[in-house]
Amino acid sequence: QIRYVGNNLNQIAKGMHLHGGINA
């Protein structure tokens, strides 16, 4: 479960880099 959460965080951070938004 922790790995899933970590992977999700990484995917969201990558999306934020591409689209701008919260502090990546």
mmCIF file of all heavy atoms, coordinates in Angstrom:
data_MODEL
# 
_entry.id   MODEL 
# 
loop_
_atom_site.group_PDB 
_atom_site.id 
_atom_site.type_symbol 
_atom_site.label_atom_id 
_atom_site.label_alt_id 
_atom_site.label_comp_id 
_atom_site.label_asym_id 
_atom_site.label_entity_id 
_atom_site.label_seq_id 
_atom_site.pdbx_PDB_ins_code 
_atom_site.Cartn_x 
_atom_site.Cartn_y 
_atom_site.Cartn_z 
_atom_site.occupancy 
_atom_site.B_iso_or_equiv 
_atom_site.pdbx_formal_charge 
_atom_site.auth_seq_id 
_atom_site.auth_comp_id 
_atom_site.auth_asym_id 
_atom_site.auth_atom_id 
_atom_site.pdbx_PDB_model_num 
ATOM 1   N N   . GLN A 1 1  ? 0.822  -1.204 0.000   1.00 0.00 ? 1  GLN A N   1 
ATOM 2   C CA  . GLN A 1 1  ? 0.000  0.000  0.000   1.00 0.00 ? 1  GLN A CA  1 
ATOM 3   C C   . GLN A 1 1  ? 0.859  1.258  0.000   1.00 0.00 ? 1  GLN A C   1 
ATOM 4   O O   . GLN A 1 1  ? 0.547  2.229  -0.698  1.00 0.00 ? 1  GLN A O   1 
ATOM 5   C CB  . GLN A 1 1  ? -0.930 -0.002 1.215   1.00 0.00 ? 1  GLN A CB  1 
ATOM 6   C CG  . GLN A 1 1  ? -2.028 -1.018 1.131   1.00 0.00 ? 1  GLN A CG  1 
ATOM 7   C CD  . GLN A 1 1  ? -2.871 -1.072 2.384   1.00 0.00 ? 1  GLN A CD  1 
ATOM 8   O OE1 . GLN A 1 1  ? -2.567 -0.428 3.383   1.00 0.00 ? 1  GLN A OE1 1 
ATOM 9   N NE2 . GLN A 1 1  ? -3.941 -1.843 2.344   1.00 0.00 ? 1  GLN A NE2 1 
ATOM 10  N N   . ILE A 1 2  ? 1.939  1.249  0.756   1.00 0.00 ? 2  ILE A N   1 
ATOM 11  C CA  . ILE A 1 2  ? 2.830  2.412  0.785   1.00 0.00 ? 2  ILE A CA  1 
ATOM 12  C C   . ILE A 1 2  ? 3.449  2.627  -0.592  1.00 0.00 ? 2  ILE A C   1 
ATOM 13  O O   . ILE A 1 2  ? 3.587  3.765  -1.050  1.00 0.00 ? 2  ILE A O   1 
ATOM 14  C CB  . ILE A 1 2  ? 3.910  2.253  1.876   1.00 0.00 ? 2  ILE A CB  1 
ATOM 15  C CG1 . ILE A 1 2  ? 3.266  2.289  3.259   1.00 0.00 ? 2  ILE A CG1 1 
ATOM 16  C CG2 . ILE A 1 2  ? 4.969  3.341  1.761   1.00 0.00 ? 2  ILE A CG2 1 
ATOM 17  C CD1 . ILE A 1 2  ? 4.210  1.937  4.391   1.00 0.00 ? 2  ILE A CD1 1 
ATOM 18  N N   . ARG A 1 3  ? 3.821  1.557  -1.259  1.00 0.00 ? 3  ARG A N   1 
ATOM 19  C CA  . ARG A 1 3  ? 4.367  1.689  -2.617  1.00 0.00 ? 3  ARG A CA  1 
ATOM 20  C C   . ARG A 1 3  ? 3.340  2.306  -3.566  1.00 0.00 ? 3  ARG A C   1 
ATOM 21  O O   . ARG A 1 3  ? 3.682  3.155  -4.394  1.00 0.00 ? 3  ARG A O   1 
ATOM 22  C CB  . ARG A 1 3  ? 4.795  0.318  -3.147  1.00 0.00 ? 3  ARG A CB  1 
ATOM 23  C CG  . ARG A 1 3  ? 6.107  -0.119 -2.622  1.00 0.00 ? 3  ARG A CG  1 
ATOM 24  C CD  . ARG A 1 3  ? 6.629  -1.316 -3.418  1.00 0.00 ? 3  ARG A CD  1 
ATOM 25  N NE  . ARG A 1 3  ? 7.905  -1.711 -2.864  1.00 0.00 ? 3  ARG A NE  1 
ATOM 26  C CZ  . ARG A 1 3  ? 8.142  -2.871 -2.279  1.00 0.00 ? 3  ARG A CZ  1 
ATOM 27  N NH1 . ARG A 1 3  ? 7.207  -3.777 -2.206  1.00 0.00 ? 3  ARG A NH1 1 
ATOM 28  N NH2 . ARG A 1 3  ? 9.319  -3.146 -1.791  1.00 0.00 ? 3  ARG A NH2 1 
ATOM 29  N N   . TYR A 1 4  ? 2.084  1.870  -3.466  1.00 0.00 ? 4  TYR A N   1 
ATOM 30  C CA  . TYR A 1 4  ? 1.048  2.447  -4.319  1.00 0.00 ? 4  TYR A CA  1 
ATOM 31  C C   . TYR A 1 4  ? 0.918  3.951  -4.071  1.00 0.00 ? 4  TYR A C   1 
ATOM 32  O O   . TYR A 1 4  ? 0.817  4.735  -5.004  1.00 0.00 ? 4  TYR A O   1 
ATOM 33  C CB  . TYR A 1 4  ? -0.308 1.769  -4.088  1.00 0.00 ? 4  TYR A CB  1 
ATOM 34  C CG  . TYR A 1 4  ? -0.426 0.382  -4.658  1.00 0.00 ? 4  TYR A CG  1 
ATOM 35  C CD1 . TYR A 1 4  ? -1.132 -0.603 -3.984  1.00 0.00 ? 4  TYR A CD1 1 
ATOM 36  C CD2 . TYR A 1 4  ? 0.151  0.042  -5.879  1.00 0.00 ? 4  TYR A CD2 1 
ATOM 37  C CE1 . TYR A 1 4  ? -1.251 -1.889 -4.507  1.00 0.00 ? 4  TYR A CE1 1 
ATOM 38  C CE2 . TYR A 1 4  ? 0.037  -1.229 -6.403  1.00 0.00 ? 4  TYR A CE2 1 
ATOM 39  C CZ  . TYR A 1 4  ? -0.666 -2.185 -5.715  1.00 0.00 ? 4  TYR A CZ  1 
ATOM 40  O OH  . TYR A 1 4  ? -0.786 -3.450 -6.224  1.00 0.00 ? 4  TYR A OH  1 
ATOM 41  N N   . VAL A 1 5  ? 0.913  4.333  -2.801  1.00 0.00 ? 5  VAL A N   1 
ATOM 42  C CA  . VAL A 1 5  ? 0.801  5.751  -2.465  1.00 0.00 ? 5  VAL A CA  1 
ATOM 43  C C   . VAL A 1 5  ? 1.993  6.517  -3.034  1.00 0.00 ? 5  VAL A C   1 
ATOM 44  O O   . VAL A 1 5  ? 1.838  7.585  -3.628  1.00 0.00 ? 5  VAL A O   1 
ATOM 45  C CB  . VAL A 1 5  ? 0.709  5.948  -0.929  1.00 0.00 ? 5  VAL A CB  1 
ATOM 46  C CG1 . VAL A 1 5  ? 0.848  7.411  -0.563  1.00 0.00 ? 5  VAL A CG1 1 
ATOM 47  C CG2 . VAL A 1 5  ? -0.600 5.383  -0.400  1.00 0.00 ? 5  VAL A CG2 1 
ATOM 48  N N   . GLY A 1 6  ? 3.187  5.977  -2.857  1.00 0.00 ? 6  GLY A N   1 
ATOM 49  C CA  . GLY A 1 6  ? 4.378  6.629  -3.386  1.00 0.00 ? 6  GLY A CA  1 
ATOM 50  C C   . GLY A 1 6  ? 4.336  6.774  -4.894  1.00 0.00 ? 6  GLY A C   1 
ATOM 51  O O   . GLY A 1 6  ? 4.679  7.829  -5.436  1.00 0.00 ? 6  GLY A O   1 
ATOM 52  N N   . ASN A 1 7  ? 3.910  5.727  -5.577  1.00 0.00 ? 7  ASN A N   1 
ATOM 53  C CA  . ASN A 1 7  ? 3.796  5.802  -7.034  1.00 0.00 ? 7  ASN A CA  1 
ATOM 54  C C   . ASN A 1 7  ? 2.762  6.835  -7.463  1.00 0.00 ? 7  ASN A C   1 
ATOM 55  O O   . ASN A 1 7  ? 2.975  7.586  -8.416  1.00 0.00 ? 7  ASN A O   1 
ATOM 56  C CB  . ASN A 1 7  ? 3.458  4.433  -7.619  1.00 0.00 ? 7  ASN A CB  1 
ATOM 57  C CG  . ASN A 1 7  ? 4.616  3.477  -7.554  1.00 0.00 ? 7  ASN A CG  1 
ATOM 58  O OD1 . ASN A 1 7  ? 5.775  3.893  -7.551  1.00 0.00 ? 7  ASN A OD1 1 
ATOM 59  N ND2 . ASN A 1 7  ? 4.326  2.191  -7.493  1.00 0.00 ? 7  ASN A ND2 1 
ATOM 60  N N   . ASN A 1 8  ? 1.637  6.884  -6.758  1.00 0.00 ? 8  ASN A N   1 
ATOM 61  C CA  . ASN A 1 8  ? 0.618  7.876  -7.072  1.00 0.00 ? 8  ASN A CA  1 
ATOM 62  C C   . ASN A 1 8  ? 1.149  9.283  -6.881  1.00 0.00 ? 8  ASN A C   1 
ATOM 63  O O   . ASN A 1 8  ? 0.898  10.176 -7.695  1.00 0.00 ? 8  ASN A O   1 
ATOM 64  C CB  . ASN A 1 8  ? -0.635 7.671  -6.219  1.00 0.00 ? 8  ASN A CB  1 
ATOM 65  C CG  . ASN A 1 8  ? -1.424 6.445  -6.631  1.00 0.00 ? 8  ASN A CG  1 
ATOM 66  O OD1 . ASN A 1 8  ? -1.264 5.943  -7.738  1.00 0.00 ? 8  ASN A OD1 1 
ATOM 67  N ND2 . ASN A 1 8  ? -2.256 5.959  -5.734  1.00 0.00 ? 8  ASN A ND2 1 
ATOM 68  N N   . LEU A 1 9  ? 1.886  9.505  -5.798  1.00 0.00 ? 9  LEU A N   1 
ATOM 69  C CA  . LEU A 1 9  ? 2.470  10.825 -5.558  1.00 0.00 ? 9  LEU A CA  1 
ATOM 70  C C   . LEU A 1 9  ? 3.416  11.211 -6.695  1.00 0.00 ? 9  LEU A C   1 
ATOM 71  O O   . LEU A 1 9  ? 3.426  12.355 -7.152  1.00 0.00 ? 9  LEU A O   1 
ATOM 72  C CB  . LEU A 1 9  ? 3.213  10.851 -4.221  1.00 0.00 ? 9  LEU A CB  1 
ATOM 73  C CG  . LEU A 1 9  ? 2.364  10.853 -2.960  1.00 0.00 ? 9  LEU A CG  1 
ATOM 74  C CD1 . LEU A 1 9  ? 3.238  10.692 -1.725  1.00 0.00 ? 9  LEU A CD1 1 
ATOM 75  C CD2 . LEU A 1 9  ? 1.563  12.139 -2.872  1.00 0.00 ? 9  LEU A CD2 1 
ATOM 76  N N   . ASN A 1 10 ? 4.216  10.252 -7.141  1.00 0.00 ? 10 ASN A N   1 
ATOM 77  C CA  . ASN A 1 10 ? 5.138  10.546 -8.245  1.00 0.00 ? 10 ASN A CA  1 
ATOM 78  C C   . ASN A 1 10 ? 4.384  10.897 -9.523  1.00 0.00 ? 10 ASN A C   1 
ATOM 79  O O   . ASN A 1 10 ? 4.762  11.819 -10.250 1.00 0.00 ? 10 ASN A O   1 
ATOM 80  C CB  . ASN A 1 10 ? 6.066  9.353  -8.500  1.00 0.00 ? 10 ASN A CB  1 
ATOM 81  C CG  . ASN A 1 10 ? 7.195  9.289  -7.523  1.00 0.00 ? 10 ASN A CG  1 
ATOM 82  O OD1 . ASN A 1 10 ? 7.592  10.295 -6.942  1.00 0.00 ? 10 ASN A OD1 1 
ATOM 83  N ND2 . ASN A 1 10 ? 7.741  8.098  -7.323  1.00 0.00 ? 10 ASN A ND2 1 
ATOM 84  N N   . GLN A 1 11 ? 3.320  10.170 -9.817  1.00 0.00 ? 11 GLN A N   1 
ATOM 85  C CA  . GLN A 1 11 ? 2.542  10.460 -11.017 1.00 0.00 ? 11 GLN A CA  1 
ATOM 86  C C   . GLN A 1 11 ? 1.897  11.841 -10.941 1.00 0.00 ? 11 GLN A C   1 
ATOM 87  O O   . GLN A 1 11 ? 1.881  12.593 -11.925 1.00 0.00 ? 11 GLN A O   1 
ATOM 88  C CB  . GLN A 1 11 ? 1.478  9.385  -11.231 1.00 0.00 ? 11 GLN A CB  1 
ATOM 89  C CG  . GLN A 1 11 ? 2.056  8.048  -11.633 1.00 0.00 ? 11 GLN A CG  1 
ATOM 90  C CD  . GLN A 1 11 ? 1.018  6.943  -11.648 1.00 0.00 ? 11 GLN A CD  1 
ATOM 91  O OE1 . GLN A 1 11 ? -0.150 7.171  -11.374 1.00 0.00 ? 11 GLN A OE1 1 
ATOM 92  N NE2 . GLN A 1 11 ? 1.448  5.739  -11.989 1.00 0.00 ? 11 GLN A NE2 1 
ATOM 93  N N   . ILE A 1 12 ? 1.389  12.190 -9.782  1.00 0.00 ? 12 ILE A N   1 
ATOM 94  C CA  . ILE A 1 12 ? 0.772  13.506 -9.603  1.00 0.00 ? 12 ILE A CA  1 
ATOM 95  C C   . ILE A 1 12 ? 1.824  14.603 -9.742  1.00 0.00 ? 12 ILE A C   1 
ATOM 96  O O   . ILE A 1 12 ? 1.593  15.627 -10.394 1.00 0.00 ? 12 ILE A O   1 
ATOM 97  C CB  . ILE A 1 12 ? 0.058  13.590 -8.236  1.00 0.00 ? 12 ILE A CB  1 
ATOM 98  C CG1 . ILE A 1 12 ? -1.159 12.651 -8.240  1.00 0.00 ? 12 ILE A CG1 1 
ATOM 99  C CG2 . ILE A 1 12 ? -0.357 15.016 -7.926  1.00 0.00 ? 12 ILE A CG2 1 
ATOM 100 C CD1 . ILE A 1 12 ? -1.788 12.437 -6.878  1.00 0.00 ? 12 ILE A CD1 1 
ATOM 101 N N   . ALA A 1 13 ? 2.984  14.387 -9.164  1.00 0.00 ? 13 ALA A N   1 
ATOM 102 C CA  . ALA A 1 13 ? 4.050  15.381 -9.265  1.00 0.00 ? 13 ALA A CA  1 
ATOM 103 C C   . ALA A 1 13 ? 4.467  15.585 -10.717 1.00 0.00 ? 13 ALA A C   1 
ATOM 104 O O   . ALA A 1 13 ? 4.680  16.726 -11.159 1.00 0.00 ? 13 ALA A O   1 
ATOM 105 C CB  . ALA A 1 13 ? 5.252  14.939 -8.421  1.00 0.00 ? 13 ALA A CB  1 
ATOM 106 N N   . LYS A 1 14 ? 4.560  14.508 -11.482 1.00 0.00 ? 14 LYS A N   1 
ATOM 107 C CA  . LYS A 1 14 ? 4.907  14.633 -12.904 1.00 0.00 ? 14 LYS A CA  1 
ATOM 108 C C   . LYS A 1 14 ? 3.834  15.423 -13.653 1.00 0.00 ? 14 LYS A C   1 
ATOM 109 O O   . LYS A 1 14 ? 4.136  16.262 -14.509 1.00 0.00 ? 14 LYS A O   1 
ATOM 110 C CB  . LYS A 1 14 ? 5.092  13.248 -13.528 1.00 0.00 ? 14 LYS A CB  1 
ATOM 111 C CG  . LYS A 1 14 ? 6.360  12.557 -13.095 1.00 0.00 ? 14 LYS A CG  1 
ATOM 112 C CD  . LYS A 1 14 ? 6.460  11.168 -13.680 1.00 0.00 ? 14 LYS A CD  1 
ATOM 113 C CE  . LYS A 1 14 ? 7.667  10.437 -13.107 1.00 0.00 ? 14 LYS A CE  1 
ATOM 114 N NZ  . LYS A 1 14 ? 7.755  9.060  -13.594 1.00 0.00 ? 14 LYS A NZ  1 
ATOM 115 N N   . GLY A 1 15 ? 2.586  15.153 -13.337 1.00 0.00 ? 15 GLY A N   1 
ATOM 116 C CA  . GLY A 1 15 ? 1.490  15.906 -13.947 1.00 0.00 ? 15 GLY A CA  1 
ATOM 117 C C   . GLY A 1 15 ? 1.539  17.386 -13.599 1.00 0.00 ? 15 GLY A C   1 
ATOM 118 O O   . GLY A 1 15 ? 1.259  18.245 -14.436 1.00 0.00 ? 15 GLY A O   1 
ATOM 119 N N   . MET A 1 16 ? 1.915  17.687 -12.378 1.00 0.00 ? 16 MET A N   1 
ATOM 120 C CA  . MET A 1 16 ? 2.019  19.082 -11.954 1.00 0.00 ? 16 MET A CA  1 
ATOM 121 C C   . MET A 1 16 ? 3.142  19.795 -12.704 1.00 0.00 ? 16 MET A C   1 
ATOM 122 O O   . MET A 1 16 ? 3.031  20.961 -13.047 1.00 0.00 ? 16 MET A O   1 
ATOM 123 C CB  . MET A 1 16 ? 2.281  19.174 -10.450 1.00 0.00 ? 16 MET A CB  1 
ATOM 124 C CG  . MET A 1 16 ? 1.118  18.752 -9.598  1.00 0.00 ? 16 MET A CG  1 
ATOM 125 S SD  . MET A 1 16 ? -0.306 19.791 -9.934  1.00 0.00 ? 16 MET A SD  1 
ATOM 126 C CE  . MET A 1 16 ? -1.590 18.590 -9.752  1.00 0.00 ? 16 MET A CE  1 
ATOM 127 N N   . HIS A 1 17 ? 4.238  19.082 -12.971 1.00 0.00 ? 17 HIS A N   1 
ATOM 128 C CA  . HIS A 1 17 ? 5.328  19.673 -13.748 1.00 0.00 ? 17 HIS A CA  1 
ATOM 129 C C   . HIS A 1 17 ? 4.850  20.037 -15.149 1.00 0.00 ? 17 HIS A C   1 
ATOM 130 O O   . HIS A 1 17 ? 5.190  21.090 -15.689 1.00 0.00 ? 17 HIS A O   1 
ATOM 131 C CB  . HIS A 1 17 ? 6.510  18.706 -13.870 1.00 0.00 ? 17 HIS A CB  1 
ATOM 132 C CG  . HIS A 1 17 ? 7.381  18.640 -12.666 1.00 0.00 ? 17 HIS A CG  1 
ATOM 133 N ND1 . HIS A 1 17 ? 8.032  19.727 -12.146 1.00 0.00 ? 17 HIS A ND1 1 
ATOM 134 C CD2 . HIS A 1 17 ? 7.718  17.601 -11.872 1.00 0.00 ? 17 HIS A CD2 1 
ATOM 135 C CE1 . HIS A 1 17 ? 8.739  19.372 -11.092 1.00 0.00 ? 17 HIS A CE1 1 
ATOM 136 N NE2 . HIS A 1 17 ? 8.563  18.077 -10.898 1.00 0.00 ? 17 HIS A NE2 1 
ATOM 137 N N   . LEU A 1 18 ? 4.079  19.162 -15.741 1.00 0.00 ? 18 LEU A N   1 
ATOM 138 C CA  . LEU A 1 18 ? 3.623  19.375 -17.107 1.00 0.00 ? 18 LEU A CA  1 
ATOM 139 C C   . LEU A 1 18 ? 2.578  20.486 -17.208 1.00 0.00 ? 18 LEU A C   1 
ATOM 140 O O   . LEU A 1 18 ? 2.583  21.284 -18.147 1.00 0.00 ? 18 LEU A O   1 
ATOM 141 C CB  . LEU A 1 18 ? 3.042  18.080 -17.693 1.00 0.00 ? 18 LEU A CB  1 
ATOM 142 C CG  . LEU A 1 18 ? 4.025  16.937 -17.904 1.00 0.00 ? 18 LEU A CG  1 
ATOM 143 C CD1 . LEU A 1 18 ? 3.281  15.671 -18.341 1.00 0.00 ? 18 LEU A CD1 1 
ATOM 144 C CD2 . LEU A 1 18 ? 5.058  17.319 -18.956 1.00 0.00 ? 18 LEU A CD2 1 
ATOM 145 N N   . HIS A 1 19 ? 1.670  20.528 -16.254 1.00 0.00 ? 19 HIS A N   1 
ATOM 146 C CA  . HIS A 1 19 ? 0.515  21.423 -16.343 1.00 0.00 ? 19 HIS A CA  1 
ATOM 147 C C   . HIS A 1 19 ? 0.608  22.629 -15.418 1.00 0.00 ? 19 HIS A C   1 
ATOM 148 O O   . HIS A 1 19 ? -0.261 23.484 -15.443 1.00 0.00 ? 19 HIS A O   1 
ATOM 149 C CB  . HIS A 1 19 ? -0.771 20.656 -16.052 1.00 0.00 ? 19 HIS A CB  1 
ATOM 150 C CG  . HIS A 1 19 ? -0.933 19.448 -16.917 1.00 0.00 ? 19 HIS A CG  1 
ATOM 151 N ND1 . HIS A 1 19 ? -1.134 19.527 -18.275 1.00 0.00 ? 19 HIS A ND1 1 
ATOM 152 C CD2 . HIS A 1 19 ? -0.900 18.133 -16.636 1.00 0.00 ? 19 HIS A CD2 1 
ATOM 153 C CE1 . HIS A 1 19 ? -1.220 18.316 -18.789 1.00 0.00 ? 19 HIS A CE1 1 
ATOM 154 N NE2 . HIS A 1 19 ? -1.084 17.441 -17.805 1.00 0.00 ? 19 HIS A NE2 1 
ATOM 155 N N   . GLY A 1 20 ? 1.623  22.694 -14.598 1.00 0.00 ? 20 GLY A N   1 
ATOM 156 C CA  . GLY A 1 20 ? 1.708  23.772 -13.614 1.00 0.00 ? 20 GLY A CA  1 
ATOM 157 C C   . GLY A 1 20 ? 0.703  23.528 -12.506 1.00 0.00 ? 20 GLY A C   1 
ATOM 158 O O   . GLY A 1 20 ? -0.122 22.645 -12.555 1.00 0.00 ? 20 GLY A O   1 
ATOM 159 N N   . GLY A 1 21 ? 0.786  24.298 -11.463 1.00 0.00 ? 21 GLY A N   1 
ATOM 160 C CA  . GLY A 1 21 ? -0.176 24.120 -10.380 1.00 0.00 ? 21 GLY A CA  1 
ATOM 161 C C   . GLY A 1 21 ? 0.504  24.211 -9.044  1.00 0.00 ? 21 GLY A C   1 
ATOM 162 O O   . GLY A 1 21 ? 1.283  25.129 -8.804  1.00 0.00 ? 21 GLY A O   1 
ATOM 163 N N   . ILE A 1 22 ? 0.250  23.247 -8.173  1.00 0.00 ? 22 ILE A N   1 
ATOM 164 C CA  . ILE A 1 22 ? 0.799  23.293 -6.829  1.00 0.00 ? 22 ILE A CA  1 
ATOM 165 C C   . ILE A 1 22 ? 2.323  23.154 -6.856  1.00 0.00 ? 22 ILE A C   1 
ATOM 166 O O   . ILE A 1 22 ? 2.905  22.834 -7.880  1.00 0.00 ? 22 ILE A O   1 
ATOM 167 C CB  . ILE A 1 22 ? 0.184  22.201 -5.917  1.00 0.00 ? 22 ILE A CB  1 
ATOM 168 C CG1 . ILE A 1 22 ? 0.549  20.813 -6.422  1.00 0.00 ? 22 ILE A CG1 1 
ATOM 169 C CG2 . ILE A 1 22 ? -1.302 22.375 -5.803  1.00 0.00 ? 22 ILE A CG2 1 
ATOM 170 C CD1 . ILE A 1 22 ? 0.188  19.729 -5.467  1.00 0.00 ? 22 ILE A CD1 1 
ATOM 171 N N   . ASN A 1 23 ? 2.939  23.380 -5.751  1.00 0.00 ? 23 ASN A N   1 
ATOM 172 C CA  . ASN A 1 23 ? 4.395  23.333 -5.626  1.00 0.00 ? 23 ASN A CA  1 
ATOM 173 C C   . ASN A 1 23 ? 4.882  21.899 -5.857  1.00 0.00 ? 23 ASN A C   1 
ATOM 174 O O   . ASN A 1 23 ? 4.818  21.052 -4.976  1.00 0.00 ? 23 ASN A O   1 
ATOM 175 C CB  . ASN A 1 23 ? 4.808  23.837 -4.248  1.00 0.00 ? 23 ASN A CB  1 
ATOM 176 C CG  . ASN A 1 23 ? 6.304  23.901 -4.072  1.00 0.00 ? 23 ASN A CG  1 
ATOM 177 O OD1 . ASN A 1 23 ? 7.067  23.311 -4.832  1.00 0.00 ? 23 ASN A OD1 1 
ATOM 178 N ND2 . ASN A 1 23 ? 6.713  24.620 -3.047  1.00 0.00 ? 23 ASN A ND2 1 
ATOM 179 N N   . ALA A 1 24 ? 5.375  21.643 -7.044  1.00 0.00 ? 24 ALA A N   1 
ATOM 180 C CA  . ALA A 1 24 ? 5.787  20.290 -7.419  1.00 0.00 ? 24 ALA A CA  1 
ATOM 181 C C   . ALA A 1 24 ? 6.982  19.816 -6.608  1.00 0.00 ? 24 ALA A C   1 
ATOM 182 O O   . ALA A 1 24 ? 7.074  18.637 -6.261  1.00 0.00 ? 24 ALA A O   1 
ATOM 183 C CB  . ALA A 1 24 ? 6.095  20.232 -8.904  1.00 0.00 ? 24 ALA A CB  1 
# 
